[in-house]
């Protein structure tokens, strides 16, 4: 992530929520929050390496937890969003 200009902000000591941090980084690559907006090839590579390989499994597991009734809809939305994003990068 360092080659893309992504680093923890100085003075931040609490651990990040991994999936949320990765989604923020992805948005930053698209919107240019770390420098200029990154080309689609860089976005696609980041997605494949850091998000696409596992995020849909994470959201699916979250959706299927019987004791996580509050988070089941979040899991479903996340799983569906990952499917859309994966398809978009295949275009």
N, C-alpha and C. Protein backbone atom coordinates (compact mmCIF):
# COMPACT_ATOMS: atom_id res chain seq x y z
N UNK A 1 0.81 -1.18 0.00
CA UNK A 1 0.00 0.00 0.00
C UNK A 1 0.86 1.25 0.00
N UNK A 2 2.05 1.14 0.55
CA UNK A 2 2.95 2.29 0.58
C UNK A 2 3.26 2.82 -0.83
N UNK A 3 3.47 1.96 -1.84
CA UNK A 3 3.72 2.50 -3.18
C UNK A 3 2.56 3.33 -3.74
N UNK A 4 1.37 3.12 -3.19
CA UNK A 4 0.20 3.89 -3.62
C UNK A 4 -0.01 5.14 -2.77
N UNK A 5 0.87 5.37 -1.82
CA UNK A 5 0.76 6.54 -0.95
C UNK A 5 -0.23 6.35 0.19
N UNK A 6 -0.50 5.10 0.54
CA UNK A 6 -1.46 4.81 1.61
C UNK A 6 -0.69 4.45 2.87
N UNK A 7 -0.95 5.20 3.92
CA UNK A 7 -0.30 4.94 5.21
C UNK A 7 -1.24 5.38 6.32
N UNK A 8 -1.00 4.85 7.50
CA UNK A 8 -1.78 5.25 8.67
C UNK A 8 -1.49 6.72 8.97
N UNK A 9 -2.50 7.46 9.27
CA UNK A 9 -2.36 8.87 9.60
C UNK A 9 -1.56 9.01 10.90
N UNK A 10 -0.67 9.96 10.97
CA UNK A 10 0.14 10.19 12.16
C UNK A 10 -0.76 10.42 13.37
N UNK A 11 -0.41 9.80 14.47
CA UNK A 11 -1.16 9.96 15.70
C UNK A 11 -2.31 8.99 15.88
N UNK A 12 -2.65 8.22 14.85
CA UNK A 12 -3.72 7.24 14.96
C UNK A 12 -3.14 5.97 15.56
N UNK A 13 -3.66 5.55 16.70
CA UNK A 13 -3.10 4.38 17.36
C UNK A 13 -4.09 3.22 17.47
N UNK A 14 -5.39 3.48 17.29
CA UNK A 14 -6.33 2.38 17.40
C UNK A 14 -6.25 1.50 16.15
N UNK A 15 -6.51 0.20 16.32
CA UNK A 15 -6.47 -0.69 15.16
C UNK A 15 -7.63 -0.39 14.22
N UNK A 16 -7.39 -0.57 12.94
CA UNK A 16 -8.45 -0.34 11.97
C UNK A 16 -9.32 -1.59 11.85
N UNK A 17 -10.54 -1.39 11.45
CA UNK A 17 -11.43 -2.48 11.10
C UNK A 17 -11.01 -2.88 9.69
N UNK A 18 -10.45 -4.05 9.53
CA UNK A 18 -9.77 -4.42 8.29
C UNK A 18 -10.62 -4.24 7.04
N UNK A 19 -11.82 -4.79 7.02
CA UNK A 19 -12.65 -4.67 5.82
C UNK A 19 -13.02 -3.22 5.56
N UNK A 20 -13.33 -2.48 6.62
CA UNK A 20 -13.68 -1.08 6.45
C UNK A 20 -12.48 -0.28 5.96
N UNK A 21 -11.30 -0.57 6.48
CA UNK A 21 -10.09 0.13 6.05
C UNK A 21 -9.81 -0.14 4.57
N UNK A 22 -9.98 -1.38 4.15
CA UNK A 22 -9.75 -1.72 2.74
C UNK A 22 -10.76 -1.03 1.82
N UNK A 23 -12.00 -0.94 2.26
CA UNK A 23 -13.02 -0.25 1.45
C UNK A 23 -12.70 1.24 1.35
N UNK A 24 -12.23 1.81 2.44
CA UNK A 24 -11.82 3.23 2.41
C UNK A 24 -10.64 3.44 1.47
N UNK A 25 -9.70 2.51 1.50
CA UNK A 25 -8.55 2.61 0.60
C UNK A 25 -8.98 2.50 -0.85
N UNK A 26 -9.88 1.58 -1.13
CA UNK A 26 -10.38 1.41 -2.50
C UNK A 26 -11.07 2.68 -2.97
N UNK A 27 -11.90 3.26 -2.11
CA UNK A 27 -12.56 4.52 -2.46
C UNK A 27 -11.54 5.63 -2.69
N UNK A 28 -10.50 5.65 -1.87
CA UNK A 28 -9.45 6.66 -2.04
C UNK A 28 -8.70 6.53 -3.35
N UNK A 29 -8.49 5.30 -3.79
CA UNK A 29 -7.83 5.09 -5.09
C UNK A 29 -8.71 5.60 -6.23
N UNK A 30 -10.01 5.39 -6.09
CA UNK A 30 -10.95 5.83 -7.13
C UNK A 30 -11.08 7.34 -7.13
N UNK A 31 -11.22 7.93 -5.95
CA UNK A 31 -11.49 9.36 -5.83
C UNK A 31 -10.24 10.24 -5.79
N UNK A 32 -9.06 9.62 -5.66
CA UNK A 32 -7.84 10.40 -5.63
C UNK A 32 -7.49 10.96 -4.27
N UNK A 33 -7.92 10.31 -3.21
CA UNK A 33 -7.66 10.81 -1.86
C UNK A 33 -6.19 10.70 -1.45
N UNK A 34 -5.43 9.83 -2.08
CA UNK A 34 -4.04 9.61 -1.70
C UNK A 34 -3.07 10.31 -2.63
N UNK A 35 -3.52 10.66 -3.79
CA UNK A 35 -2.79 11.42 -4.80
C UNK A 35 -3.81 11.64 -5.91
N UNK A 36 -3.44 11.45 -7.13
CA UNK A 36 -4.41 11.54 -8.22
C UNK A 36 -5.24 10.26 -8.25
N UNK A 37 -6.46 10.31 -8.80
CA UNK A 37 -7.21 9.07 -8.97
C UNK A 37 -6.36 8.05 -9.74
N UNK A 38 -6.40 6.83 -9.29
CA UNK A 38 -5.56 5.80 -9.89
C UNK A 38 -6.24 5.19 -11.11
N UNK A 39 -5.46 4.76 -12.09
CA UNK A 39 -6.04 4.13 -13.27
C UNK A 39 -6.77 2.85 -12.91
N UNK A 40 -7.67 2.45 -13.77
CA UNK A 40 -8.47 1.25 -13.54
C UNK A 40 -7.59 0.02 -13.31
N UNK A 41 -6.46 -0.06 -13.98
CA UNK A 41 -5.58 -1.22 -13.79
C UNK A 41 -5.05 -1.29 -12.36
N UNK A 42 -4.73 -0.16 -11.76
CA UNK A 42 -4.27 -0.12 -10.37
C UNK A 42 -5.41 -0.46 -9.43
N UNK A 43 -6.58 0.09 -9.69
CA UNK A 43 -7.76 -0.22 -8.87
C UNK A 43 -8.07 -1.72 -8.92
N UNK A 44 -8.05 -2.28 -10.11
CA UNK A 44 -8.34 -3.70 -10.29
C UNK A 44 -7.33 -4.58 -9.57
N UNK A 45 -6.06 -4.22 -9.67
CA UNK A 45 -5.01 -4.99 -8.99
C UNK A 45 -5.20 -4.92 -7.47
N UNK A 46 -5.47 -3.74 -6.95
CA UNK A 46 -5.69 -3.59 -5.51
C UNK A 46 -6.89 -4.42 -5.07
N UNK A 47 -7.97 -4.34 -5.82
CA UNK A 47 -9.17 -5.11 -5.49
C UNK A 47 -8.86 -6.60 -5.48
N UNK A 48 -8.20 -7.08 -6.51
CA UNK A 48 -7.89 -8.51 -6.61
C UNK A 48 -6.97 -8.98 -5.48
N UNK A 49 -5.98 -8.19 -5.15
CA UNK A 49 -4.99 -8.60 -4.16
C UNK A 49 -5.47 -8.47 -2.72
N UNK A 50 -6.27 -7.45 -2.45
CA UNK A 50 -6.59 -7.14 -1.06
C UNK A 50 -8.06 -7.32 -0.66
N UNK A 51 -8.95 -7.37 -1.63
CA UNK A 51 -10.37 -7.42 -1.31
C UNK A 51 -11.07 -8.61 -1.96
N UNK A 52 -10.94 -8.73 -3.25
CA UNK A 52 -11.71 -9.71 -4.01
C UNK A 52 -11.51 -11.15 -3.61
N UNK A 53 -10.32 -11.47 -3.12
CA UNK A 53 -10.02 -12.87 -2.80
C UNK A 53 -10.75 -13.38 -1.56
N UNK A 54 -11.20 -12.50 -0.69
CA UNK A 54 -11.78 -12.98 0.57
C UNK A 54 -13.03 -12.24 1.04
N UNK A 55 -13.27 -11.03 0.57
CA UNK A 55 -14.36 -10.22 1.13
C UNK A 55 -15.73 -10.85 0.93
N UNK A 56 -15.97 -11.48 -0.22
CA UNK A 56 -17.28 -12.09 -0.43
C UNK A 56 -17.51 -13.23 0.57
N UNK A 57 -16.45 -13.97 0.91
CA UNK A 57 -16.56 -15.03 1.92
C UNK A 57 -16.87 -14.43 3.30
N UNK A 58 -16.18 -13.34 3.61
CA UNK A 58 -16.43 -12.66 4.89
C UNK A 58 -17.89 -12.23 5.00
N UNK A 59 -18.39 -11.57 3.95
CA UNK A 59 -19.77 -11.09 3.99
C UNK A 59 -20.77 -12.24 4.01
N UNK A 60 -20.47 -13.29 3.28
CA UNK A 60 -21.34 -14.47 3.28
C UNK A 60 -21.40 -15.10 4.67
N UNK A 61 -20.24 -15.23 5.31
CA UNK A 61 -20.21 -15.77 6.67
C UNK A 61 -20.98 -14.88 7.63
N UNK A 62 -20.83 -13.58 7.49
CA UNK A 62 -21.55 -12.63 8.34
C UNK A 62 -23.06 -12.77 8.13
N UNK A 63 -23.45 -12.94 6.89
CA UNK A 63 -24.87 -13.08 6.56
C UNK A 63 -25.46 -14.35 7.16
N UNK A 64 -24.68 -15.41 7.25
CA UNK A 64 -25.18 -16.71 7.68
C UNK A 64 -25.11 -16.96 9.18
N UNK A 65 -24.55 -16.04 9.95
CA UNK A 65 -24.48 -16.25 11.40
C UNK A 65 -25.86 -16.09 12.02
N UNK A 66 -26.39 -17.15 12.61
CA UNK A 66 -27.74 -17.04 13.18
C UNK A 66 -27.83 -16.05 14.34
N UNK A 67 -26.76 -15.89 15.10
CA UNK A 67 -26.79 -14.98 16.24
C UNK A 67 -26.51 -13.53 15.84
N UNK A 68 -26.23 -13.26 14.59
CA UNK A 68 -25.90 -11.90 14.13
C UNK A 68 -27.04 -11.32 13.31
N UNK A 69 -28.23 -11.33 13.88
CA UNK A 69 -29.40 -10.87 13.13
C UNK A 69 -29.25 -9.42 12.67
N UNK A 70 -28.62 -8.62 13.46
CA UNK A 70 -28.41 -7.22 13.08
C UNK A 70 -27.48 -7.10 11.87
N UNK A 71 -26.46 -7.96 11.82
CA UNK A 71 -25.46 -7.84 10.76
C UNK A 71 -25.76 -8.68 9.52
N UNK A 72 -26.76 -9.54 9.58
CA UNK A 72 -27.09 -10.36 8.41
C UNK A 72 -27.40 -9.51 7.17
N UNK A 73 -28.21 -8.46 7.30
CA UNK A 73 -28.45 -7.61 6.12
C UNK A 73 -27.17 -6.92 5.62
N UNK A 74 -26.29 -6.56 6.53
CA UNK A 74 -25.01 -5.96 6.14
C UNK A 74 -24.20 -6.98 5.35
N UNK A 75 -24.19 -8.21 5.83
CA UNK A 75 -23.49 -9.27 5.12
C UNK A 75 -24.06 -9.49 3.73
N UNK A 76 -25.37 -9.49 3.62
CA UNK A 76 -25.99 -9.70 2.31
C UNK A 76 -25.65 -8.55 1.36
N UNK A 77 -25.78 -7.32 1.83
CA UNK A 77 -25.46 -6.16 1.00
C UNK A 77 -23.99 -6.20 0.58
N UNK A 78 -23.11 -6.53 1.51
CA UNK A 78 -21.69 -6.60 1.19
C UNK A 78 -21.38 -7.70 0.19
N UNK A 79 -21.99 -8.86 0.36
CA UNK A 79 -21.78 -9.98 -0.57
C UNK A 79 -22.24 -9.61 -1.97
N UNK A 80 -23.41 -9.00 -2.06
CA UNK A 80 -23.92 -8.59 -3.38
C UNK A 80 -23.06 -7.49 -3.99
N UNK A 81 -22.59 -6.57 -3.18
CA UNK A 81 -21.72 -5.50 -3.67
C UNK A 81 -20.41 -6.07 -4.21
N UNK A 82 -19.85 -7.05 -3.51
CA UNK A 82 -18.61 -7.68 -3.99
C UNK A 82 -18.83 -8.37 -5.33
N UNK A 83 -19.99 -8.99 -5.52
CA UNK A 83 -20.29 -9.64 -6.79
C UNK A 83 -20.36 -8.61 -7.93
N UNK A 84 -21.00 -7.48 -7.65
CA UNK A 84 -21.09 -6.42 -8.66
C UNK A 84 -19.70 -5.88 -8.99
N UNK A 85 -18.90 -5.62 -7.97
CA UNK A 85 -17.56 -5.08 -8.19
C UNK A 85 -16.68 -6.06 -8.98
N UNK A 86 -16.76 -7.33 -8.64
CA UNK A 86 -15.96 -8.34 -9.36
C UNK A 86 -16.37 -8.37 -10.83
N UNK A 87 -17.67 -8.31 -11.10
CA UNK A 87 -18.14 -8.28 -12.49
C UNK A 87 -17.68 -7.03 -13.20
N UNK A 88 -17.71 -5.90 -12.52
CA UNK A 88 -17.31 -4.64 -13.14
C UNK A 88 -15.85 -4.68 -13.57
N UNK A 89 -14.99 -5.30 -12.76
CA UNK A 89 -13.57 -5.37 -13.12
C UNK A 89 -13.32 -6.35 -14.24
N UNK A 90 -14.25 -7.26 -14.48
CA UNK A 90 -14.11 -8.20 -15.60
C UNK A 90 -14.48 -7.58 -16.93
N UNK A 91 -15.17 -6.43 -16.91
CA UNK A 91 -15.60 -5.78 -18.16
C UNK A 91 -14.44 -5.20 -18.91
